[in-house]
Amino acid sequence: MTSFRTNQLKSEIAAIPMWLRRPIGKASELSTVQRIIKQRQIHTICEEGRCPNRGECYAQKTATFLLMGPTCTRSCAFCQVDKGHAPMPLDPEEPKKVAEAVQLLGLRYVVLTSVARDDLPDQGAGWFVKTIEAIRQVNPKTQIEVLTPDFYGEWQRIAAIANKKPACYNHNIETVRRLTGPVRRGAKYDRSLLVLQIVKEIDPSIPTKSGLMLGHGETVEEVIETMTDLRQVGCDRLTIGQYMRPSLEHLPVQKYWTPAEFDELGAIAKQMGFSHVRSGPLVRSSYHAGEEE
């Protein structure tokens, strides 16, 4: 059985197209960020999610911080982050540690994301607020983008973060309506749209953003339908990237979309009115987040 699974994994790796293969980066380019992160016992989605761009981002001394520990209370079938119903208690020093890391790395633009913490009374919304305040106390010029869970669509939780006026409020819809159930266990398509709608109702000046992963069996028509739904709730920015199977325990890839297909979808998104669009096989929701189009 072990031999079969090993051969299956080797076969899947061999099938990955060349356009999805890239070096992880030199150890010397990774060490500064990794050292700062490990010394403070904080986490990044770059590591926990095994992002294919982390070598490039680390070389530029940038990272997306993963708040509230490395264990998620939901079990999305695509995600590499560890799952569990009893995550570790919150580290009361985490907001301060993240702020120190931002300062040491000299970040002008930082992305804060988190695991889902459905075990907490406010699902962690207040923790985003505390971390934003800690960063601004020591790094007042640093722009902060947030990439949040859905908070069950609760207005007050979303408003608590939006009222801090982040540079961008991101919530990923991840996949098309038809595939939301099997791909995003515990999430709902319309609830994700609602999160982005609420942000715009609270403060229309805050740019909103969402992301799609292709490769789960969606059609071009379904992707366009999803982009239309996002525009209808005022979503300003969009990322589109390729799903890559983290392990044999995760959903298999149904299709590797080509760079040309990503370019075509990106052009359609721009025509639809998205102000910022990044569409490509290796694009992830926080990739080059602080750069202008």
Protein backbone atom coordinates (compact mmCIF):
# COMPACT_ATOMS: atom_id res chain seq x y z
CA MET A 1 0.00 0.00 0.00
CA THR A 2 2.81 2.38 0.92
CA SER A 3 4.58 1.55 -2.32
CA PHE A 4 1.39 2.20 -4.31
CA ARG A 5 0.89 5.61 -2.68
CA THR A 6 4.54 6.50 -3.24
CA ASN A 7 4.25 5.61 -6.90
CA GLN A 8 1.00 7.55 -7.16
CA LEU A 9 2.62 10.64 -5.66
CA LYS A 10 5.62 10.35 -8.00
CA SER A 11 3.25 10.03 -10.95
CA GLU A 12 1.35 13.18 -9.92
CA ILE A 13 4.56 15.15 -9.45
CA ALA A 14 5.77 14.06 -12.87
CA ALA A 15 2.47 15.26 -14.41
CA ILE A 16 2.88 18.83 -13.13
CA PRO A 17 3.39 21.13 -16.16
CA MET A 18 6.67 22.97 -16.54
CA TRP A 19 5.01 26.34 -16.04
CA LEU A 20 4.22 25.34 -12.45
CA ARG A 21 7.76 24.36 -11.58
CA ARG A 22 9.93 26.97 -9.92
CA PRO A 23 12.88 26.92 -7.52
CA ILE A 24 12.05 27.52 -3.87
CA GLY A 25 14.89 30.02 -3.57
CA LYS A 26 18.36 30.17 -2.07
CA ALA A 27 18.79 29.36 1.60
CA SER A 28 20.50 32.71 2.14
CA GLU A 29 17.45 34.52 0.75
CA LEU A 30 15.06 32.64 3.03
CA SER A 31 17.00 32.75 6.26
CA THR A 32 16.28 36.32 7.41
CA VAL A 33 12.50 35.99 7.36
CA GLN A 34 12.53 32.43 8.70
CA ARG A 35 14.79 33.42 11.59
CA ILE A 36 12.60 36.35 12.61
CA ILE A 37 9.46 34.21 12.41
CA LYS A 38 10.86 31.24 14.33
CA GLN A 39 12.45 33.35 17.07
CA ARG A 40 9.04 34.81 17.87
CA GLN A 41 7.13 31.55 17.46
CA ILE A 42 4.69 33.16 15.06
CA HIS A 43 3.48 31.77 11.76
CA THR A 44 3.16 32.67 8.10
CA ILE A 45 0.76 31.25 5.54
CA CYS A 46 3.83 31.14 3.28
CA GLU A 47 5.16 28.21 5.32
CA GLU A 48 1.97 26.63 6.66
CA GLY A 49 0.39 26.67 3.20
CA ARG A 50 3.63 25.80 1.37
CA CYS A 51 3.18 28.69 -1.03
CA PRO A 52 5.20 28.22 -4.25
CA ASN A 53 6.20 31.90 -4.18
CA ARG A 54 7.68 32.03 -0.70
CA GLY A 55 11.26 32.01 -1.96
CA GLU A 56 10.63 35.09 -4.07
CA CYS A 57 8.70 36.88 -1.33
CA TYR A 58 11.23 36.04 1.39
CA ALA A 59 14.05 37.30 -0.81
CA GLN A 60 12.19 40.62 -0.89
CA LYS A 61 11.72 40.41 2.91
CA THR A 62 7.96 40.15 2.72
CA ALA A 63 5.54 37.66 4.28
CA THR A 64 1.88 37.09 5.01
CA PHE A 65 1.36 36.53 8.72
CA LEU A 66 -0.93 33.72 9.87
CA LEU A 67 -2.66 34.76 13.09
CA MET A 68 -4.05 32.63 15.93
CA GLY A 69 -1.84 29.60 15.47
CA PRO A 70 -1.25 27.01 12.73
CA THR A 71 -4.38 24.87 13.33
CA CYS A 72 -7.68 25.56 11.55
CA THR A 73 -11.09 24.51 12.90
CA ARG A 74 -12.43 23.90 9.40
CA SER A 75 -11.40 21.16 7.00
CA CYS A 76 -11.30 22.59 3.49
CA ALA A 77 -10.30 19.82 1.10
CA PHE A 78 -7.70 21.89 -0.76
CA CYS A 79 -5.76 23.49 2.08
CA GLN A 80 -2.39 22.43 3.48
CA VAL A 81 -2.90 24.11 6.87
CA ASP A 82 -3.35 21.66 9.77
CA LYS A 83 -6.91 20.96 10.92
CA GLY A 84 -8.27 20.29 14.40
CA HIS A 85 -11.21 21.02 16.67
CA ALA A 86 -9.04 21.98 19.66
CA PRO A 87 -6.46 24.56 18.50
CA MET A 88 -3.88 25.91 20.92
CA PRO A 89 -4.85 28.85 23.16
CA LEU A 90 -4.09 32.27 21.73
CA ASP A 91 -0.65 33.67 22.50
CA PRO A 92 -1.37 37.02 24.18
CA GLU A 93 1.96 38.34 22.88
CA GLU A 94 1.28 37.45 19.24
CA PRO A 95 0.08 40.91 18.09
CA LYS A 96 3.22 42.48 19.59
CA LYS A 97 5.46 39.79 18.06
CA VAL A 98 3.96 40.32 14.61
CA ALA A 99 4.45 44.08 14.95
CA GLU A 100 8.11 43.52 15.89
CA ALA A 101 8.59 41.24 12.86
CA VAL A 102 7.04 43.85 10.57
CA GLN A 103 9.40 46.47 11.99
CA LEU A 104 12.51 44.28 11.69
CA LEU A 105 11.67 43.36 8.10
CA GLY A 106 11.01 46.99 7.22
CA LEU A 107 7.69 46.15 5.59
CA ARG A 108 5.77 48.98 3.97
CA TYR A 109 2.84 46.67 3.18
CA VAL A 110 1.83 43.69 5.26
CA VAL A 111 -0.90 41.08 4.85
CA LEU A 112 -2.61 39.62 7.91
CA THR A 113 -4.53 36.39 7.51
CA SER A 114 -5.59 33.65 9.90
CA VAL A 115 -6.82 30.15 10.32
CA ALA A 116 -10.56 29.80 10.98
CA ARG A 117 -11.12 29.85 14.75
CA ASP A 118 -14.75 28.86 15.14
CA ASP A 119 -13.93 27.91 18.73
CA LEU A 120 -13.59 31.58 19.72
CA PRO A 121 -16.63 33.71 20.66
CA ASP A 122 -15.95 36.22 17.85
CA GLN A 123 -14.13 33.74 15.55
CA GLY A 124 -10.99 35.84 15.97
CA ALA A 125 -12.22 39.17 14.60
CA GLY A 126 -10.97 41.01 17.69
CA TRP A 127 -7.54 39.44 17.23
CA PHE A 128 -7.22 41.06 13.81
CA VAL A 129 -8.07 44.39 15.45
CA LYS A 130 -5.45 43.92 18.18
CA THR A 131 -2.78 43.01 15.64
CA ILE A 132 -3.59 45.97 13.40
CA GLU A 133 -3.34 48.29 16.41
CA ALA A 134 -0.03 46.75 17.51
CA ILE A 135 1.50 47.16 14.06
CA ARG A 136 0.35 50.76 13.73
CA GLN A 137 1.74 51.63 17.14
CA VAL A 138 5.32 50.86 16.06
CA ASN A 139 4.94 51.05 12.26
CA PRO A 140 2.44 53.88 11.60
CA LYS A 141 3.33 54.15 7.90
CA THR A 142 2.92 50.45 7.13
CA GLN A 143 -0.17 49.67 5.07
CA ILE A 144 -2.12 46.64 6.27
CA GLU A 145 -4.20 44.31 4.12
CA VAL A 146 -6.41 41.73 5.80
CA LEU A 147 -7.41 38.33 4.42
CA THR A 148 -10.09 37.08 6.77
CA PRO A 149 -12.34 34.06 7.33
CA ASP A 150 -16.06 34.59 6.79
CA PHE A 151 -16.94 35.10 10.51
CA TYR A 152 -20.26 33.41 9.63
CA GLY A 153 -21.24 36.65 7.89
CA GLU A 154 -21.73 38.45 11.22
CA TRP A 155 -21.90 42.21 10.62
CA GLN A 156 -20.31 43.27 13.93
CA ARG A 157 -17.26 41.03 13.50
CA ILE A 158 -16.60 42.23 9.96
CA ALA A 159 -17.30 45.84 10.96
CA ALA A 160 -14.77 45.69 13.82
CA ILE A 161 -12.02 45.06 11.26
CA ALA A 162 -13.37 47.31 8.50
CA ASN A 163 -13.59 50.21 10.94
CA LYS A 164 -9.80 50.00 11.31
CA LYS A 165 -9.62 51.02 7.63
CA PRO A 166 -7.26 48.40 6.24
CA ALA A 167 -5.56 49.16 2.94
CA CYS A 168 -7.55 46.29 1.46
CA TYR A 169 -10.11 43.81 2.81
CA ASN A 170 -9.68 40.38 1.21
CA HIS A 171 -11.92 37.36 1.57
CA ASN A 172 -11.42 34.51 -0.87
CA ILE A 173 -14.41 32.86 -2.49
CA GLU A 174 -11.92 30.17 -3.69
CA THR A 175 -14.14 28.29 -6.15
CA VAL A 176 -17.37 28.40 -8.14
CA ARG A 177 -20.83 27.95 -6.63
CA ARG A 178 -21.27 24.32 -7.77
CA LEU A 179 -18.01 23.17 -6.18
CA THR A 180 -18.16 25.11 -2.91
CA GLY A 181 -19.53 22.17 -0.89
CA PRO A 182 -16.83 19.59 -1.66
CA VAL A 183 -13.96 22.11 -1.88
CA ARG A 184 -14.73 24.51 1.01
CA ARG A 185 -16.22 22.40 3.79
CA GLY A 186 -17.93 24.63 6.31
CA ALA A 187 -18.09 27.61 3.96
CA LYS A 188 -20.95 28.93 1.86
CA TYR A 189 -20.71 30.69 -1.51
CA ASP A 190 -23.31 33.35 -0.75
CA ARG A 191 -21.87 33.96 2.71
CA SER A 192 -18.50 34.78 1.18
CA LEU A 193 -20.18 37.25 -1.16
CA LEU A 194 -21.95 38.72 1.87
CA VAL A 195 -18.64 39.39 3.66
CA LEU A 196 -17.43 41.52 0.76
CA GLN A 197 -20.81 43.25 0.48
CA ILE A 198 -20.83 44.14 4.17
CA VAL A 199 -17.38 45.75 3.94
CA LYS A 200 -18.58 47.99 1.11
CA GLU A 201 -21.72 48.91 3.04
CA ILE A 202 -19.64 49.88 6.06
CA ASP A 203 -17.04 51.87 4.12
CA PRO A 204 -17.20 52.06 0.30
CA SER A 205 -13.69 53.56 0.22
CA ILE A 206 -12.05 50.31 1.39
CA PRO A 207 -10.86 48.25 -1.59
CA THR A 208 -12.21 44.70 -1.46
CA LYS A 209 -10.55 41.67 -2.97
CA SER A 210 -11.20 38.00 -3.55
CA GLY A 211 -9.45 35.02 -5.09
CA LEU A 212 -10.19 31.93 -7.15
CA MET A 213 -8.28 28.65 -7.40
CA LEU A 214 -8.74 26.83 -10.68
CA GLY A 215 -8.32 23.11 -11.19
CA HIS A 216 -11.26 21.57 -9.31
CA GLY A 217 -13.36 20.87 -12.40
CA GLU A 218 -14.91 24.30 -12.96
CA THR A 219 -15.81 25.55 -16.44
CA VAL A 220 -14.92 28.88 -18.04
CA GLU A 221 -18.59 29.83 -17.86
CA GLU A 222 -18.70 29.11 -14.12
CA VAL A 223 -15.56 31.19 -13.51
CA ILE A 224 -17.09 34.12 -15.40
CA GLU A 225 -20.31 33.70 -13.42
CA THR A 226 -18.31 33.87 -10.17
CA MET A 227 -16.48 36.98 -11.32
CA THR A 228 -19.85 38.54 -12.17
CA ASP A 229 -21.17 37.71 -8.69
CA LEU A 230 -18.09 39.33 -7.13
CA ARG A 231 -18.52 42.50 -9.15
CA GLN A 232 -22.19 42.69 -8.14
CA VAL A 233 -21.15 43.04 -4.48
CA GLY A 234 -18.58 45.69 -5.38
CA CYS A 235 -15.42 43.56 -5.26
CA ASP A 236 -12.57 45.68 -6.66
CA ARG A 237 -9.63 43.29 -6.93
CA LEU A 238 -9.22 39.71 -8.07
CA THR A 239 -6.56 37.00 -8.03
CA ILE A 240 -6.81 33.79 -10.05
CA GLY A 241 -4.34 30.94 -9.61
CA GLN A 242 -3.90 27.20 -10.09
CA TYR A 243 -4.80 24.70 -7.38
CA MET A 244 -1.89 22.39 -6.62
CA ARG A 245 -2.60 19.27 -4.57
CA PRO A 246 -0.61 19.44 -1.29
CA SER A 247 -0.82 15.68 -0.58
CA LEU A 248 -2.72 12.53 -1.49
CA GLU A 249 -5.15 13.31 1.34
CA HIS A 250 -6.33 16.42 -0.52
CA LEU A 251 -8.55 16.76 -3.57
CA PRO A 252 -6.88 15.68 -6.82
CA VAL A 253 -6.27 18.27 -9.54
CA GLN A 254 -8.88 17.93 -12.26
CA LYS A 255 -7.14 20.23 -14.73
CA TYR A 256 -3.99 22.29 -15.09
CA TRP A 257 -5.07 25.54 -16.71
CA THR A 258 -2.53 26.98 -19.16
CA PRO A 259 -0.88 30.39 -18.89
CA ALA A 260 -2.81 31.45 -22.00
CA GLU A 261 -6.12 30.53 -20.34
CA PHE A 262 -5.17 32.53 -17.25
CA ASP A 263 -4.31 35.50 -19.45
CA GLU A 264 -7.69 35.24 -21.15
CA LEU A 265 -9.56 35.13 -17.84
CA GLY A 266 -7.51 38.05 -16.55
CA ALA A 267 -8.47 40.11 -19.60
CA ILE A 268 -12.15 39.28 -19.08
CA ALA A 269 -11.89 40.31 -15.42
CA LYS A 270 -10.43 43.68 -16.38
CA GLN A 271 -13.21 44.21 -18.91
CA MET A 272 -15.71 43.50 -16.14
CA GLY A 273 -14.32 46.39 -14.12
CA PHE A 274 -11.95 44.87 -11.55
CA SER A 275 -9.38 47.57 -10.79
CA HIS A 276 -6.55 45.15 -9.95
CA VAL A 277 -6.27 41.70 -11.53
CA ARG A 278 -3.55 39.10 -11.14
CA SER A 279 -4.21 35.92 -13.09
CA GLY A 280 -1.60 33.20 -13.58
CA PRO A 281 -0.74 29.62 -12.61
CA LEU A 282 1.39 30.60 -9.61
CA VAL A 283 -0.67 33.59 -8.47
CA ARG A 284 -1.83 33.44 -4.86
CA SER A 285 -4.07 35.87 -2.99
CA SER A 286 -1.22 37.80 -1.33
CA TYR A 287 1.31 37.64 -4.17
CA HIS A 288 2.75 41.16 -4.78
CA ALA A 289 -0.22 42.45 -2.77
CA GLY A 290 1.29 45.86 -2.13
CA GLU A 291 2.23 46.61 -5.72
CA GLU A 292 0.29 48.83 -8.04
CA GLU A 293 -1.19 47.28 -11.15
